[in-house]
N, C-alpha and C. Protein backbone atom coordinates (compact mmCIF):
# COMPACT_ATOMS: atom_id res chain seq x y z
N MET A 1 131.72 66.51 32.35
CA MET A 1 132.22 67.80 32.74
C MET A 1 132.75 67.57 34.18
N PRO A 2 133.95 68.09 34.43
CA PRO A 2 134.64 67.87 35.75
C PRO A 2 133.90 68.76 36.89
N LYS A 3 133.75 68.24 37.86
CA LYS A 3 133.22 69.08 39.02
C LYS A 3 133.98 69.96 39.68
N GLU A 4 133.57 71.15 39.87
CA GLU A 4 134.40 72.16 40.49
C GLU A 4 134.61 71.87 41.92
N ASN A 5 135.96 72.27 42.28
CA ASN A 5 136.24 72.12 43.73
C ASN A 5 135.27 72.91 44.59
N GLN A 6 134.76 72.00 45.57
CA GLN A 6 133.71 72.65 46.48
C GLN A 6 134.57 73.00 47.82
N ILE A 7 134.20 74.19 48.22
CA ILE A 7 134.93 74.65 49.45
C ILE A 7 133.83 74.45 50.60
N THR A 8 134.32 73.82 51.71
CA THR A 8 133.36 73.58 52.75
C THR A 8 133.91 74.43 53.92
N LYS A 9 132.95 75.26 54.38
CA LYS A 9 133.21 76.10 55.55
C LYS A 9 132.77 75.51 56.77
N GLU A 10 133.62 75.49 57.70
CA GLU A 10 133.23 74.96 58.85
C GLU A 10 133.25 76.09 59.96
N ARG A 11 132.28 76.17 60.67
CA ARG A 11 132.31 77.24 61.86
C ARG A 11 132.45 76.51 63.20
N ILE A 12 133.45 77.04 63.75
CA ILE A 12 133.92 76.49 64.91
C ILE A 12 133.60 77.55 66.02
N THR A 13 132.86 77.07 67.00
CA THR A 13 132.51 77.95 68.26
C THR A 13 133.21 77.46 69.40
N SER A 14 133.65 78.38 70.08
CA SER A 14 134.25 78.00 71.46
C SER A 14 133.78 78.98 72.57
N LYS A 15 133.59 78.42 73.66
CA LYS A 15 133.02 79.20 74.74
C LYS A 15 134.39 79.65 75.69
N ILE A 16 134.46 80.86 75.84
CA ILE A 16 135.58 81.27 76.81
C ILE A 16 134.93 81.63 77.97
N ASN A 17 135.46 81.15 79.08
CA ASN A 17 134.98 81.34 80.39
C ASN A 17 135.69 82.57 80.93
N GLU A 18 134.77 83.35 81.76
CA GLU A 18 135.31 84.38 82.43
C GLU A 18 136.23 83.84 83.59
N PRO A 19 137.67 84.41 83.93
CA PRO A 19 138.23 83.90 84.97
C PRO A 19 137.54 84.12 86.13
N HIS A 20 137.79 83.15 87.22
CA HIS A 20 137.17 83.28 88.50
C HIS A 20 137.64 84.45 89.32
N LYS A 21 136.87 85.12 90.06
CA LYS A 21 137.18 86.23 90.89
C LYS A 21 137.49 85.82 92.29
N PHE A 22 138.40 86.51 93.07
CA PHE A 22 138.90 86.21 94.31
C PHE A 22 138.73 87.35 95.11
N ASN A 23 137.96 87.18 96.30
CA ASN A 23 137.84 88.28 97.31
C ASN A 23 139.11 88.54 98.17
N VAL A 24 139.53 89.77 98.27
CA VAL A 24 140.61 90.07 99.22
C VAL A 24 139.85 90.58 100.44
N ILE A 25 140.25 90.05 101.62
CA ILE A 25 139.67 90.08 102.92
C ILE A 25 140.48 90.75 103.85
N PHE A 26 140.19 91.87 104.61
CA PHE A 26 141.13 92.43 105.58
C PHE A 26 140.45 92.08 106.96
N HIS A 27 141.41 91.60 107.75
CA HIS A 27 140.98 91.06 109.06
C HIS A 27 141.37 92.24 110.16
N ASN A 28 140.58 92.43 111.30
CA ASN A 28 140.85 93.32 112.37
C ASN A 28 141.83 92.69 113.12
N ASP A 29 142.71 93.75 113.87
CA ASP A 29 143.78 93.23 114.78
C ASP A 29 143.76 94.45 115.61
N ASP A 30 144.27 94.25 116.93
CA ASP A 30 144.40 95.50 117.85
C ASP A 30 145.66 96.33 117.81
N PHE A 31 146.45 96.02 116.67
CA PHE A 31 147.77 96.68 116.51
C PHE A 31 147.83 97.66 115.33
N THR A 32 147.17 97.18 114.08
CA THR A 32 147.40 98.01 113.04
C THR A 32 146.52 99.37 113.14
N PRO A 33 147.12 100.45 113.04
CA PRO A 33 146.32 101.79 113.22
C PRO A 33 145.30 101.96 112.06
N MET A 34 144.19 102.62 112.28
CA MET A 34 143.07 102.65 111.38
C MET A 34 143.56 103.59 110.13
N ASP A 35 144.45 104.69 110.54
CA ASP A 35 144.95 105.43 109.42
C ASP A 35 145.82 104.52 108.45
N PHE A 36 146.62 103.65 108.97
CA PHE A 36 147.41 103.04 108.13
C PHE A 36 146.66 102.06 107.29
N VAL A 37 145.57 101.48 107.78
CA VAL A 37 144.73 100.59 106.90
C VAL A 37 144.10 101.49 105.89
N THR A 38 143.70 102.66 106.17
CA THR A 38 143.11 103.54 105.11
C THR A 38 144.20 104.00 104.10
N LEU A 39 145.29 104.17 104.43
CA LEU A 39 146.53 104.37 103.67
C LEU A 39 146.71 103.26 102.57
N ILE A 40 146.83 101.93 103.20
CA ILE A 40 146.80 100.79 102.40
C ILE A 40 145.69 100.75 101.18
N LEU A 41 144.57 101.00 101.73
CA LEU A 41 143.24 100.77 100.95
C LEU A 41 143.35 101.89 99.73
N ARG A 42 143.96 103.11 100.02
CA ARG A 42 144.02 104.05 99.08
C ARG A 42 145.04 103.92 98.16
N HIS A 43 146.20 103.52 98.48
CA HIS A 43 147.41 103.47 97.68
C HIS A 43 147.48 102.15 96.95
N ILE A 44 147.19 100.97 97.53
CA ILE A 44 147.27 99.71 96.85
C ILE A 44 146.00 99.28 96.21
N PHE A 45 144.95 99.62 96.87
CA PHE A 45 143.68 99.09 96.38
C PHE A 45 143.04 100.04 95.56
N LEU A 46 143.47 101.30 95.43
CA LEU A 46 143.00 102.39 94.76
C LEU A 46 141.49 102.87 95.17
N LYS A 47 141.22 102.79 96.38
CA LYS A 47 139.90 103.19 97.02
C LYS A 47 139.92 104.76 97.18
N SER A 48 138.83 105.41 96.90
CA SER A 48 138.63 106.78 97.36
C SER A 48 138.89 107.00 98.98
N GLU A 49 139.16 108.16 99.32
CA GLU A 49 139.27 108.47 100.61
C GLU A 49 138.04 108.01 101.43
N ARG A 50 136.81 108.35 100.90
CA ARG A 50 135.47 107.86 101.55
C ARG A 50 135.42 106.44 101.68
N GLU A 51 135.64 105.70 100.57
CA GLU A 51 135.40 104.43 100.43
C GLU A 51 136.21 103.58 101.43
N ALA A 52 137.78 104.14 101.34
CA ALA A 52 138.75 103.58 102.30
C ALA A 52 138.32 103.70 103.76
N GLU A 53 137.82 104.84 104.16
CA GLU A 53 137.40 105.05 105.46
C GLU A 53 136.26 103.96 105.96
N ASP A 54 135.23 103.89 104.93
CA ASP A 54 133.94 103.00 105.17
C ASP A 54 134.67 101.57 105.43
N LEU A 55 135.50 101.17 104.46
CA LEU A 55 135.90 99.80 104.49
C LEU A 55 136.82 99.51 105.80
N MET A 56 137.48 100.61 106.17
CA MET A 56 138.29 100.37 107.50
C MET A 56 137.48 100.22 108.70
N LEU A 57 136.37 101.10 108.73
CA LEU A 57 135.47 101.08 109.79
C LEU A 57 134.60 99.64 109.84
N LYS A 58 134.28 99.19 108.64
CA LYS A 58 133.71 97.91 108.69
C LYS A 58 134.56 96.77 109.23
N VAL A 59 135.88 96.95 108.77
CA VAL A 59 136.74 95.97 109.43
C VAL A 59 136.99 96.14 110.85
N HIS A 60 136.96 97.22 111.21
CA HIS A 60 137.01 97.51 112.62
C HIS A 60 135.90 96.85 113.47
N HIS A 61 134.69 97.33 113.04
CA HIS A 61 133.33 96.90 113.81
C HIS A 61 133.02 95.40 113.60
N GLU A 62 133.18 94.97 112.37
CA GLU A 62 132.66 93.63 111.97
C GLU A 62 133.87 92.55 112.10
N GLY A 63 135.00 92.93 112.26
CA GLY A 63 136.01 91.96 112.23
C GLY A 63 136.67 91.58 111.07
N LYS A 64 136.02 91.86 109.94
CA LYS A 64 136.63 91.60 108.71
C LYS A 64 135.79 92.31 107.49
N ALA A 65 136.26 92.54 106.49
CA ALA A 65 135.60 92.99 105.14
C ALA A 65 136.20 92.66 104.00
N ILE A 66 135.49 92.45 102.95
CA ILE A 66 135.92 92.20 101.61
C ILE A 66 136.22 93.41 101.11
N ILE A 67 137.57 93.60 100.73
CA ILE A 67 138.05 94.93 100.22
C ILE A 67 137.73 95.07 98.58
N GLY A 68 137.71 93.93 98.00
CA GLY A 68 137.51 93.93 96.55
C GLY A 68 137.62 92.55 95.93
N SER A 69 137.14 92.36 94.75
CA SER A 69 137.18 91.09 94.12
C SER A 69 137.98 91.34 92.68
N TYR A 70 138.99 90.48 92.57
CA TYR A 70 139.90 90.55 91.54
C TYR A 70 140.22 89.26 90.88
N SER A 71 140.87 89.15 89.63
CA SER A 71 141.52 87.83 89.15
C SER A 71 142.42 87.52 90.25
N TYR A 72 142.85 86.25 90.12
CA TYR A 72 143.75 85.59 90.93
C TYR A 72 145.03 86.48 91.20
N ASP A 73 145.75 86.56 89.98
CA ASP A 73 147.01 87.28 89.91
C ASP A 73 146.98 88.62 90.64
N ILE A 74 145.88 89.32 90.32
CA ILE A 74 145.81 90.81 90.96
C ILE A 74 145.71 90.74 92.42
N ALA A 75 144.74 89.70 92.69
CA ALA A 75 144.35 89.72 94.34
C ALA A 75 145.66 89.19 94.95
N MET A 76 146.48 88.33 94.57
CA MET A 76 147.54 87.85 95.14
C MET A 76 148.63 89.02 95.15
N THR A 77 148.85 89.72 94.13
CA THR A 77 149.71 90.92 94.02
C THR A 77 149.43 91.82 94.96
N LYS A 78 148.32 92.32 94.88
CA LYS A 78 147.74 93.50 95.95
C LYS A 78 147.92 93.00 97.40
N SER A 79 147.51 91.85 97.60
CA SER A 79 147.68 91.32 99.21
C SER A 79 149.02 91.19 99.54
N ALA A 80 149.92 90.73 98.53
CA ALA A 80 151.15 90.65 98.97
C ALA A 80 151.90 91.99 99.19
N ASP A 81 151.65 92.87 98.40
CA ASP A 81 152.16 94.29 98.49
C ASP A 81 151.77 94.82 99.76
N ALA A 82 150.34 94.69 100.24
CA ALA A 82 149.95 95.20 101.36
C ALA A 82 150.53 94.63 102.64
N THR A 83 150.78 93.25 102.62
CA THR A 83 151.21 92.63 103.56
C THR A 83 152.81 92.91 103.95
N ASN A 84 153.49 93.08 102.73
CA ASN A 84 154.95 93.57 102.71
C ASN A 84 155.01 95.09 103.45
N ILE A 85 154.10 95.89 103.02
CA ILE A 85 154.25 97.19 103.56
C ILE A 85 153.90 97.28 105.01
N ALA A 86 152.95 96.55 105.32
CA ALA A 86 152.63 96.17 106.79
C ALA A 86 153.61 95.82 107.71
N ARG A 87 154.18 94.75 107.22
CA ARG A 87 155.41 94.17 107.85
C ARG A 87 156.53 95.01 107.98
N LYS A 88 156.88 95.90 107.19
CA LYS A 88 158.10 96.85 106.99
C LYS A 88 157.73 97.89 108.06
N ASN A 89 156.43 98.18 108.38
CA ASN A 89 156.04 99.27 109.22
C ASN A 89 155.62 98.51 110.66
N GLY A 90 155.96 97.23 110.83
CA GLY A 90 155.82 96.58 112.18
C GLY A 90 154.27 96.13 112.47
N PHE A 91 153.45 96.16 111.49
CA PHE A 91 152.06 95.81 111.69
C PHE A 91 151.76 94.55 111.24
N PRO A 92 150.83 93.71 112.17
CA PRO A 92 150.43 92.42 111.70
C PRO A 92 149.20 92.36 110.86
N LEU A 93 148.88 93.28 109.95
CA LEU A 93 147.75 93.37 109.21
C LEU A 93 147.45 91.95 108.53
N ARG A 94 146.41 91.26 108.75
CA ARG A 94 146.15 89.96 108.24
C ARG A 94 145.09 90.08 106.98
N ILE A 95 145.62 89.56 105.81
CA ILE A 95 144.80 89.68 104.58
C ILE A 95 144.72 88.15 104.12
N THR A 96 143.49 87.96 103.90
CA THR A 96 143.21 86.51 103.28
C THR A 96 142.49 86.64 101.93
N ILE A 97 142.54 85.61 101.02
CA ILE A 97 141.92 85.51 99.79
C ILE A 97 141.01 84.34 99.67
N ASN A 98 139.87 84.54 99.21
CA ASN A 98 138.97 83.36 98.98
C ASN A 98 138.34 83.53 97.50
N ARG A 99 137.94 82.41 96.87
CA ARG A 99 137.34 82.50 95.61
C ARG A 99 135.76 82.86 95.78
N GLU A 100 135.38 83.65 95.15
CA GLU A 100 133.84 84.13 95.11
C GLU A 100 132.88 83.16 94.99
């Protein structure tokens, strides 16, 4: 009697790693107005008015603050947009990015 075709099922598992997060950091300077920093935080980083004011004051008093943690592409895009707007308005707002 012929053997029936046997079907072998193979289970493949793969681990998908979460992408690294990158911190966007604002640095204090003596030229960029506080209101402008708050505006950037609200419109580019989508912070509430209260959160934007708190972050702006942290930058002002401590010299720098982490504004948010994002995937690399989003961190780069948001920081580039903020820097471009600051330069167009004549402000030297300094933004850096580092990996969490």
